[in-house]
C-alpha atoms as a PDB file:
ATOM      1  CA  MET A   1    -168.134  13.039   5.828  1.00  0.00           C
ATOM      2  CA  GLN A   2    -168.117  16.336   7.732  1.00  0.00           C
ATOM      3  CA  GLN A   3    -171.221  18.527   7.542  1.00  0.00           C
ATOM      4  CA  ILE A   4    -171.006  22.294   8.039  1.00  0.00           C
ATOM      5  CA  ASP A   5    -173.931  24.709   8.103  1.00  0.00           C
ATOM      6  CA  PHE A   6    -173.913  27.184   5.222  1.00  0.00           C
ATOM      7  CA  TYR A   7    -175.687  30.508   4.836  1.00  0.00           C
ATOM      8  CA  MET A   8    -175.715  33.049   2.037  1.00  0.00           C
ATOM      9  CA  VAL A   9    -176.776  36.491   3.190  1.00  0.00           C
ATOM     10  CA  ASP A  10    -177.361  39.769   1.344  1.00  0.00           C
ATOM     11  CA  ALA A  11    -175.880  42.507   3.546  1.00  0.00           C
ATOM     12  CA  PHE A  12    -176.576  46.252   3.613  1.00  0.00           C
ATOM     13  CA  THR A  13    -180.009  45.744   2.079  1.00  0.00           C
ATOM     14  CA  GLU A  14    -183.574  45.051   3.153  1.00  0.00           C
ATOM     15  CA  THR A  15    -184.444  43.078   0.016  1.00  0.00           C
ATOM     16  CA  THR A  16    -183.114  39.946  -1.639  1.00  0.00           C
ATOM     17  CA  PHE A  17    -180.710  40.559  -4.561  1.00  0.00           C
ATOM     18  CA  GLY A  18    -179.613  43.890  -3.128  1.00  0.00           C
ATOM     19  CA  GLY A  19    -176.534  44.842  -1.148  1.00  0.00           C
ATOM     20  CA  ASN A  20    -173.523  42.545  -1.059  1.00  0.00           C
ATOM     21  CA  ALA A  21    -173.770  38.773  -0.776  1.00  0.00           C
ATOM     22  CA  ALA A  22    -171.532  36.854   1.630  1.00  0.00           C
ATOM     23  CA  ALA A  23    -171.228  33.186   2.497  1.00  0.00           C
ATOM     24  CA  VAL A  24    -171.176  32.399   6.223  1.00  0.00           C
ATOM     25  CA  CYS A  25    -170.040  29.125   7.818  1.00  0.00           C
ATOM     26  CA  PRO A  26    -170.183  28.410  11.572  1.00  0.00           C
ATOM     27  CA  LEU A  27    -167.451  25.998  12.692  1.00  0.00           C
ATOM     28  CA  THR A  28    -166.930  24.034  15.875  1.00  0.00           C
ATOM     29  CA  GLU A  29    -163.146  24.342  15.492  1.00  0.00           C
ATOM     30  CA  TRP A  30    -160.794  25.898  12.986  1.00  0.00           C
ATOM     31  CA  LEU A  31    -160.139  23.850   9.883  1.00  0.00           C
ATOM     32  CA  PRO A  32    -156.774  24.039   8.084  1.00  0.00           C
ATOM     33  CA  ASP A  33    -156.308  27.298   6.198  1.00  0.00           C
ATOM     34  CA  GLU A  34    -156.071  25.448   2.891  1.00  0.00           C
ATOM     35  CA  THR A  35    -159.521  23.950   3.552  1.00  0.00           C
ATOM     36  CA  LEU A  36    -161.015  27.340   4.388  1.00  0.00           C
ATOM     37  CA  LEU A  37    -159.558  28.794   1.192  1.00  0.00           C
ATOM     38  CA  ALA A  38    -160.828  25.859  -0.870  1.00  0.00           C
ATOM     39  CA  MET A  39    -164.295  26.372   0.587  1.00  0.00           C
ATOM     40  CA  ALA A  40    -164.207  30.103  -0.210  1.00  0.00           C
ATOM     41  CA  ARG A  41    -163.210  29.294  -3.774  1.00  0.00           C
ATOM     42  CA  GLN A  42    -166.015  26.767  -4.059  1.00  0.00           C
ATOM     43  CA  HIS A  43    -168.552  29.304  -2.768  1.00  0.00           C
ATOM     44  CA  ASN A  44    -167.185  31.845  -5.276  1.00  0.00           C
ATOM     45  CA  GLN A  45    -168.488  34.862  -3.382  1.00  0.00           C
ATOM     46  CA  SER A  46    -166.479  38.020  -2.803  1.00  0.00           C
ATOM     47  CA  GLU A  47    -166.030  36.876   0.818  1.00  0.00           C
ATOM     48  CA  THR A  48    -166.769  33.865   2.970  1.00  0.00           C
ATOM     49  CA  ALA A  49    -166.867  34.421   6.727  1.00  0.00           C
ATOM     50  CA  PHE A  50    -165.955  31.613   9.123  1.00  0.00           C
ATOM     51  CA  PHE A  51    -166.557  31.824  12.861  1.00  0.00           C
ATOM     52  CA  ILE A  52    -166.393  29.715  16.000  1.00  0.00           C
ATOM     53  CA  HIS A  53    -168.147  30.270  19.342  1.00  0.00           C
ATOM     54  CA  THR A  54    -165.798  30.855  22.297  1.00  0.00           C
ATOM     55  CA  ASP A  55    -166.229  31.599  25.991  1.00  0.00           C
ATOM     56  CA  ASP A  56    -165.701  35.302  25.256  1.00  0.00           C
ATOM     57  CA  GLY A  57    -167.873  35.580  22.151  1.00  0.00           C
ATOM     58  CA  PHE A  58    -166.881  34.598  18.626  1.00  0.00           C
ATOM     59  CA  GLU A  59    -163.681  34.351  16.613  1.00  0.00           C
ATOM     60  CA  LEU A  60    -164.143  35.608  13.052  1.00  0.00           C
ATOM     61  CA  ARG A  61    -162.097  35.258   9.869  1.00  0.00           C
ATOM     62  CA  TRP A  62    -162.743  36.324   6.265  1.00  0.00           C
ATOM     63  CA  PHE A  63    -161.539  34.717   3.028  1.00  0.00           C
ATOM     64  CA  THR A  64    -161.794  35.788  -0.607  1.00  0.00           C
ATOM     65  CA  THR A  65    -161.108  33.363  -3.425  1.00  0.00           C
ATOM     66  CA  GLN A  66    -157.504  34.598  -3.270  1.00  0.00           C
ATOM     67  CA  GLY A  67    -156.820  34.185   0.446  1.00  0.00           C
ATOM     68  CA  GLU A  68    -157.487  35.506   3.936  1.00  0.00           C
ATOM     69  CA  ILE A  69    -158.096  39.261   4.287  1.00  0.00           C
ATOM     70  CA  ASN A  70    -157.702  41.561   7.282  1.00  0.00           C
ATOM     71  CA  LEU A  71    -161.148  43.183   7.362  1.00  0.00           C
ATOM     72  CA  CYS A  72    -164.565  42.823   5.739  1.00  0.00           C
ATOM     73  CA  GLY A  73    -167.614  44.838   6.678  1.00  0.00           C
ATOM     74  CA  HIS A  74    -170.443  43.209   4.753  1.00  0.00           C
ATOM     75  CA  ALA A  75    -169.383  39.657   5.706  1.00  0.00           C
ATOM     76  CA  THR A  76    -169.252  40.729   9.369  1.00  0.00           C
ATOM     77  CA  LEU A  77    -172.765  42.134   9.061  1.00  0.00           C
ATOM     78  CA  ALA A  78    -173.867  38.883   7.376  1.00  0.00           C
ATOM     79  CA  THR A  79    -172.277  36.812  10.159  1.00  0.00           C
ATOM     80  CA  ALA A  80    -174.019  38.835  12.855  1.00  0.00           C
ATOM     81  CA  HIS A  81    -177.307  38.410  11.006  1.00  0.00           C
ATOM     82  CA  VAL A  82    -176.832  34.615  11.048  1.00  0.00           C
ATOM     83  CA  ILE A  83    -175.935  34.577  14.756  1.00  0.00           C
ATOM     84  CA  PHE A  84    -178.910  36.724  15.714  1.00  0.00           C
ATOM     85  CA  GLU A  85    -181.535  35.275  13.375  1.00  0.00           C
ATOM     86  CA  SER A  86    -180.558  31.642  12.800  1.00  0.00           C
ATOM     87  CA  LEU A  87    -178.670  30.831  16.001  1.00  0.00           C
ATOM     88  CA  SER A  88    -181.072  32.806  18.229  1.00  0.00           C
ATOM     89  CA  TYR A  89    -178.326  34.726  20.028  1.00  0.00           C
ATOM     90  CA  PRO A  90    -180.065  36.317  23.037  1.00  0.00           C
ATOM     91  CA  GLU A  91    -177.839  39.354  23.703  1.00  0.00           C
ATOM     92  CA  ALA A  92    -178.069  42.723  21.935  1.00  0.00           C
ATOM     93  CA  THR A  93    -174.337  42.885  21.140  1.00  0.00           C
ATOM     94  CA  ILE A  94    -172.028  40.321  19.585  1.00  0.00           C
ATOM     95  CA  HIS A  95    -168.319  40.490  20.430  1.00  0.00           C
ATOM     96  CA  PHE A  96    -165.935  39.288  17.732  1.00  0.00           C
ATOM     97  CA  THR A  97    -162.225  38.574  18.075  1.00  0.00           C
ATOM     98  CA  THR A  98    -160.242  39.003  14.860  1.00  0.00           C
ATOM     99  CA  ARG A  99    -156.652  38.280  13.900  1.00  0.00           C
ATOM    100  CA  PHE A 100    -155.725  41.592  12.312  1.00  0.00           C
ATOM    101  CA  VAL A 101    -157.913  44.440  13.611  1.00  0.00           C
ATOM    102  CA  GLY A 102    -158.614  43.408  17.195  1.00  0.00           C
ATOM    103  CA  PRO A 103    -162.070  43.272  18.797  1.00  0.00           C
ATOM    104  CA  LEU A 104    -165.157  44.212  16.782  1.00  0.00           C
ATOM    105  CA  THR A 105    -168.763  44.421  17.913  1.00  0.00           C
ATOM    106  CA  VAL A 106    -172.127  44.297  16.186  1.00  0.00           C
ATOM    107  CA  THR A 107    -175.204  45.604  18.009  1.00  0.00           C
ATOM    108  CA  ARG A 108    -178.804  44.912  17.051  1.00  0.00           C
ATOM    109  CA  ASN A 109    -181.517  47.571  17.158  1.00  0.00           C
ATOM    110  CA  GLY A 110    -184.654  46.252  15.502  1.00  0.00           C
ATOM    111  CA  ASP A 111    -183.855  45.298  11.908  1.00  0.00           C
ATOM    112  CA  TRP A 112    -180.649  47.354  11.884  1.00  0.00           C
ATOM    113  CA  LEU A 113    -177.237  45.996  12.822  1.00  0.00           C
ATOM    114  CA  THR A 114    -174.425  48.377  13.749  1.00  0.00           C
ATOM    115  CA  LEU A 115    -170.772  47.518  13.144  1.00  0.00           C
ATOM    116  CA  ASP A 116    -168.207  49.159  15.433  1.00  0.00           C
ATOM    117  CA  PHE A 117    -164.918  49.270  13.476  1.00  0.00           C
ATOM    118  CA  PRO A 118    -161.661  51.182  13.815  1.00  0.00           C
ATOM    119  CA  ALA A 119    -161.531  54.298  11.660  1.00  0.00           C
ATOM    120  CA  THR A 120    -158.730  54.448   9.095  1.00  0.00           C
ATOM    121  CA  SER A 121    -156.977  57.550   7.839  1.00  0.00           C
ATOM    122  CA  SER A 122    -156.005  58.715   4.372  1.00  0.00           C
ATOM    123  CA  GLU A 123    -153.715  61.409   3.041  1.00  0.00           C
ATOM    124  CA  PRO A 124    -153.817  63.545  -0.123  1.00  0.00           C
ATOM    125  CA  VAL A 125    -151.471  62.273  -2.842  1.00  0.00           C
ATOM    126  CA  GLU A 126    -150.540  63.047  -6.403  1.00  0.00           C
ATOM    127  CA  PRO A 127    -152.236  60.281  -8.394  1.00  0.00           C
ATOM    128  CA  PRO A 128    -150.235  58.099 -10.746  1.00  0.00           C
ATOM    129  CA  GLN A 129    -151.330  58.496 -14.338  1.00  0.00           C
ATOM    130  CA  LEU A 130    -152.123  54.796 -14.416  1.00  0.00           C
ATOM    131  CA  LEU A 131    -154.839  55.347 -11.803  1.00  0.00           C
ATOM    132  CA  LEU A 132    -156.545  58.011 -13.910  1.00  0.00           C
ATOM    133  CA  ASP A 133    -156.190  55.882 -17.026  1.00  0.00           C
ATOM    134  CA  CYS A 134    -157.808  52.938 -15.227  1.00  0.00           C
ATOM    135  CA  LEU A 135    -160.841  55.068 -14.432  1.00  0.00           C
ATOM    136  CA  GLY A 136    -160.891  56.831 -17.797  1.00  0.00           C
ATOM    137  CA  ILE A 137    -160.909  60.286 -16.199  1.00  0.00           C
ATOM    138  CA  SER A 138    -158.741  63.383 -16.378  1.00  0.00           C
ATOM    139  CA  GLY A 139    -160.434  65.630 -13.823  1.00  0.00           C
ATOM    140  CA  TYR A 140    -160.939  65.072 -10.099  1.00  0.00           C
ATOM    141  CA  GLN A 141    -161.263  67.081  -6.907  1.00  0.00           C
ATOM    142  CA  GLU A 142    -158.797  65.138  -4.791  1.00  0.00           C
ATOM    143  CA  VAL A 143    -156.990  61.803  -4.618  1.00  0.00           C
ATOM    144  CA  ARG A 144    -156.198  60.233  -1.266  1.00  0.00           C
ATOM    145  CA  LEU A 145    -154.345  57.106  -0.208  1.00  0.00           C
ATOM    146  CA  GLY A 146    -155.131  54.964   2.820  1.00  0.00           C
ATOM    147  CA  ARG A 147    -156.576  51.454   2.763  1.00  0.00           C
ATOM    148  CA  THR A 148    -157.217  52.167  -0.913  1.00  0.00           C
ATOM    149  CA  TYR A 149    -156.828  54.907  -3.449  1.00  0.00           C
ATOM    150  CA  THR A 150    -159.816  57.197  -3.037  1.00  0.00           C
ATOM    151  CA  VAL A 151    -160.644  59.464  -5.954  1.00  0.00           C
ATOM    152  CA  VAL A 152    -163.015  62.291  -5.030  1.00  0.00           C
ATOM    153  CA  LEU A 153    -165.128  63.464  -7.953  1.00  0.00           C
ATOM    154  CA  GLU A 154    -167.325  66.521  -8.273  1.00  0.00           C
ATOM    155  CA  ASN A 155    -170.737  64.872  -8.296  1.00  0.00           C
ATOM    156  CA  GLN A 156    -172.684  61.629  -8.195  1.00  0.00           C
ATOM    157  CA  GLN A 157    -173.247  61.569 -11.942  1.00  0.00           C
ATOM    158  CA  GLN A 158    -169.508  61.391 -12.518  1.00  0.00           C
ATOM    159  CA  VAL A 159    -169.197  58.486 -10.072  1.00  0.00           C
ATOM    160  CA  GLU A 160    -171.978  56.581 -11.827  1.00  0.00           C
ATOM    161  CA  ALA A 161    -170.533  57.310 -15.279  1.00  0.00           C
ATOM    162  CA  VAL A 162    -167.088  55.750 -14.629  1.00  0.00           C
ATOM    163  CA  ARG A 163    -166.427  52.622 -16.687  1.00  0.00           C
ATOM    164  CA  PRO A 164    -163.082  51.339 -15.396  1.00  0.00           C
ATOM    165  CA  ASP A 165    -160.564  49.387 -17.437  1.00  0.00           C
ATOM    166  CA  ILE A 166    -160.300  46.349 -15.177  1.00  0.00           C
ATOM    167  CA  GLN A 167    -157.377  44.765 -17.015  1.00  0.00           C
ATOM    168  CA  LEU A 168    -155.407  47.980 -16.703  1.00  0.00           C
ATOM    169  CA  MET A 169    -156.358  48.226 -13.035  1.00  0.00           C
ATOM    170  CA  LEU A 170    -154.722  44.852 -12.443  1.00  0.00           C
ATOM    171  CA  LYS A 171    -151.407  46.520 -13.343  1.00  0.00           C
ATOM    172  CA  LEU A 172    -152.067  49.195 -10.722  1.00  0.00           C
ATOM    173  CA  ASN A 173    -152.211  46.425  -8.076  1.00  0.00           C
ATOM    174  CA  GLN A 174    -154.233  48.590  -5.705  1.00  0.00           C
ATOM    175  CA  LYS A 175    -157.859  48.811  -4.596  1.00  0.00           C
ATOM    176  CA  VAL A 176    -159.700  51.869  -5.888  1.00  0.00           C
ATOM    177  CA  CYS A 177    -162.660  53.775  -4.475  1.00  0.00           C
ATOM    178  CA  ILE A 178    -164.421  56.681  -6.158  1.00  0.00           C
ATOM    179  CA  THR A 179    -166.713  58.989  -4.210  1.00  0.00           C
ATOM    180  CA  ALA A 180    -168.644  62.248  -4.432  1.00  0.00           C
ATOM    181  CA  PRO A 181    -171.378  64.201  -2.653  1.00  0.00           C
ATOM    182  CA  ALA A 182    -174.765  62.522  -3.016  1.00  0.00           C
ATOM    183  CA  GLU A 183    -177.485  63.972  -5.194  1.00  0.00           C
ATOM    184  CA  ILE A 184    -180.146  61.654  -3.713  1.00  0.00           C
ATOM    185  CA  GLU A 185    -182.395  63.370  -1.183  1.00  0.00           C
ATOM    186  CA  GLY A 186    -181.470  62.386   2.359  1.00  0.00           C
ATOM    187  CA  TYR A 187    -178.047  60.962   1.462  1.00  0.00           C
ATOM    188  CA  ASP A 188    -174.690  62.605   2.144  1.00  0.00           C
ATOM    189  CA  PHE A 189    -172.196  60.833  -0.116  1.00  0.00           C
ATOM    190  CA  VAL A 190    -171.961  58.026  -2.659  1.00  0.00           C
ATOM    191  CA  SER A 191    -169.183  55.681  -3.674  1.00  0.00           C
ATOM    192  CA  ARG A 192    -168.088  52.755  -5.842  1.00  0.00           C
ATOM    193  CA  PHE A 193    -165.273  50.293  -5.178  1.00  0.00           C
ATOM    194  CA  PHE A 194    -163.047  48.138  -7.400  1.00  0.00           C
ATOM    195  CA  SER A 195    -160.603  45.410  -6.391  1.00  0.00           C
ATOM    196  CA  PRO A 196    -159.726  43.221  -9.404  1.00  0.00           C
ATOM    197  CA  ALA A 197    -156.504  41.986  -7.773  1.00  0.00           C
ATOM    198  CA  ALA A 198    -158.724  40.265  -5.187  1.00  0.00           C
ATOM    199  CA  ALA A 199    -160.972  38.897  -7.953  1.00  0.00           C
ATOM    200  CA  ILE A 200    -163.609  41.562  -7.194  1.00  0.00           C
ATOM    201  CA  THR A 201    -164.288  43.588 -10.327  1.00  0.00           C
ATOM    202  CA  GLU A 202    -166.747  45.902  -8.581  1.00  0.00           C
ATOM    203  CA  ASP A 203    -167.835  45.280  -5.011  1.00  0.00           C
ATOM    204  CA  PRO A 204    -171.547  45.980  -4.469  1.00  0.00           C
ATOM    205  CA  VAL A 205    -171.205  47.426  -0.925  1.00  0.00           C
ATOM    206  CA  THR A 206    -167.906  47.770   0.917  1.00  0.00           C
ATOM    207  CA  GLY A 207    -167.914  48.292   4.664  1.00  0.00           C
ATOM    208  CA  SER A 208    -164.141  48.278   5.051  1.00  0.00           C
ATOM    209  CA  THR A 209    -163.733  51.201   2.637  1.00  0.00           C
ATOM    210  CA  HIS A 210    -166.253  53.210   4.613  1.00  0.00           C
ATOM    211  CA  THR A 211    -163.888  53.068   7.597  1.00  0.00           C
ATOM    212  CA  MET A 212    -161.848  55.531   5.518  1.00  0.00           C
ATOM    213  CA  LEU A 213    -164.703  57.363   3.769  1.00  0.00           C
ATOM    214  CA  ILE A 214    -166.558  58.211   6.978  1.00  0.00           C
ATOM    215  CA  PRO A 215    -163.698  60.224   8.596  1.00  0.00           C
ATOM    216  CA  TYR A 216    -163.077  62.022   5.280  1.00  0.00           C
ATOM    217  CA  TRP A 217    -166.693  63.030   4.703  1.00  0.00           C
ATOM    218  CA  ALA A 218    -167.258  63.831   8.380  1.00  0.00           C
ATOM    219  CA  GLN A 219    -164.475  66.407   8.216  1.00  0.00           C
ATOM    220  CA  ARG A 220    -165.495  67.753   4.824  1.00  0.00           C
ATOM    221  CA  LEU A 221    -169.213  68.035   5.615  1.00  0.00           C
ATOM    222  CA  GLY A 222    -168.752  69.073   9.246  1.00  0.00           C
ATOM    223  CA  LYS A 223    -171.035  66.371  10.595  1.00  0.00           C
ATOM    224  CA  THR A 224    -170.533  63.039  12.345  1.00  0.00           C
ATOM    225  CA  GLN A 225    -173.753  61.264  11.311  1.00  0.00           C
ATOM    226  CA  MET A 226    -174.349  60.579   7.631  1.00  0.00           C
ATOM    227  CA  LEU A 227    -176.199  58.312   5.225  1.00  0.00           C
ATOM    228  CA  ALA A 228    -174.163  56.786   2.418  1.00  0.00           C
ATOM    229  CA  ARG A 229    -175.171  54.976  -0.745  1.00  0.00           C
ATOM    230  CA  GLN A 230    -172.855  52.685  -2.703  1.00  0.00           C
ATOM    231  CA  VAL A 231    -174.122  53.139  -6.250  1.00  0.00           C
ATOM    232  CA  SER A 232    -173.179  49.747  -7.692  1.00  0.00           C
ATOM    233  CA  SER A 233    -175.665  47.822  -9.819  1.00  0.00           C
ATOM    234  CA  ARG A 234    -177.013  46.068  -6.682  1.00  0.00           C
ATOM    235  CA  GLY A 235    -176.599  49.103  -4.450  1.00  0.00           C
ATOM    236  CA  GLY A 236    -176.679  49.383  -0.691  1.00  0.00           C
ATOM    237  CA  ASP A 237    -177.225  51.833   2.156  1.00  0.00           C
ATOM    238  CA  ILE A 238    -174.975  52.463   5.155  1.00  0.00           C
ATOM    239  CA  ARG A 239    -175.872  54.647   8.118  1.00  0.00           C
ATOM    240  CA  CYS A 240    -172.553  56.185   9.152  1.00  0.00           C
ATOM    241  CA  GLN A 241    -171.282  57.750  12.359  1.00  0.00           C
ATOM    242  CA  LEU A 242    -167.826  58.894  13.422  1.00  0.00           C
ATOM    243  CA  VAL A 243    -167.122  58.441  17.146  1.00  0.00           C
ATOM    244  CA  GLY A 244    -163.541  59.419  17.975  1.00  0.00           C
ATOM    245  CA  ASP A 245    -161.261  56.888  16.337  1.00  0.00           C
ATOM    246  CA  ARG A 246    -164.128  54.472  15.640  1.00  0.00           C
ATOM    247  CA  VAL A 247    -166.744  54.336  12.909  1.00  0.00           C
ATOM    248  CA  LEU A 248    -170.246  52.961  13.324  1.00  0.00           C
ATOM    249  CA  MET A 249    -171.797  51.477  10.185  1.00  0.00           C
ATOM    250  CA  SER A 250    -175.398  50.327  10.310  1.00  0.00           C
ATOM    251  CA  GLY A 251    -177.209  48.187   7.789  1.00  0.00           C
ATOM    252  CA  GLN A 252    -179.827  45.533   7.296  1.00  0.00           C
ATOM    253  CA  ALA A 253    -179.435  41.988   5.994  1.00  0.00           C
ATOM    254  CA  VAL A 254    -181.536  39.260   4.386  1.00  0.00           C
ATOM    255  CA  THR A 255    -180.892  35.503   4.358  1.00  0.00           C
ATOM    256  CA  TYR A 256    -180.968  34.138   0.805  1.00  0.00           C
ATOM    257  CA  LEU A 257    -179.871  30.515   1.202  1.00  0.00           C
ATOM    258  CA  VAL A 258    -179.474  27.977   4.003  1.00  0.00           C
ATOM    259  CA  GLY A 259    -177.807  24.616   3.418  1.00  0.00           C
ATOM    260  CA  LYS A 260    -175.041  22.188   4.266  1.00  0.00           C
ATOM    261  CA  VAL A 261    -171.432  21.955   3.146  1.00  0.00           C
ATOM    262  CA  LEU A 262    -170.400  18.296   2.832  1.00  0.00           C
ATOM    263  CA  LEU A 263    -166.664  17.770   3.180  1.00  0.00           C
ATOM    264  CA  ARG A 264    -165.600  14.349   2.002  1.00  0.00           C
ATOM    265  CA  ARG A 265    -162.080  13.426   3.073  1.00  0.00           C
ATOM    266  CA  PRO A 266    -159.815  11.489   0.695  1.00  0.00           C
ATOM    267  CA  ALA A 267    -159.879   7.766   1.386  1.00  0.00           C
ATOM    268  CA  ALA A 268    -156.817   6.371   3.104  1.00  0.00           C
ATOM    269  CA  GLN A 269    -154.480   4.637   0.691  1.00  0.00           C
ATOM    270  CA  PRO A 270    -153.808   0.947   1.414  1.00  0.00           C
ATOM    271  CA  ASN A 271    -150.327  -0.063   2.400  1.00  0.00           C
ATOM    272  CA  VAL A 272    -148.464  -1.740  -0.425  1.00  0.00           C
END
């Protein structure tokens, strides 16, 4: 029987039951992809992060219950939290190697961890009617397309009021973000994020989408440092900064669960 350490971490929050939960599993070597996917399905979280320690830092991969994905912010934050807090990593910066987006770093400053991710662009588009029908809206300020559809609404109240038709959104076959200027004192913008095709009805806090939101709001607001709030039911805060073609996203994290995964291999069949 193989034993693997298991952590569940709430990311982009300073309290348990806030932010976005991720499962994190340190490995000594990569297991077959089908095993990693089976583990992610068993954990039944939006993402499970797997990592191994290398001479140059750490290799990092992310899986949903549907398969491997190319980028995940909150699970990266959760992984860094495990490495710093549970594995007693002595340096201030963790260097990750990833398969799809190249090198990523996470730097610790007190209780805050800062992700250094590539910024992603978006362009204005004419929205398909299906997108508006999914969100149950007719009015909007702007619709953009990049990593996801991003629908810009007039105010925070409109963002909070959206009740999407998830079954209809499955037909759209695209991730959807809605955003607006914040009405909370001290915050710059708010957002919500939906990805039913990846078995995520509404994601509590989505770092990867902020790689696109940060450049947009930086240009619109004329500032490079911002504070964002994802106004899901759990909610979460992200300190945002645009630095050239990179985005810095800072958040806190809390360990919820520590345990062991026990992998029992099928018994060898006797020769007949």
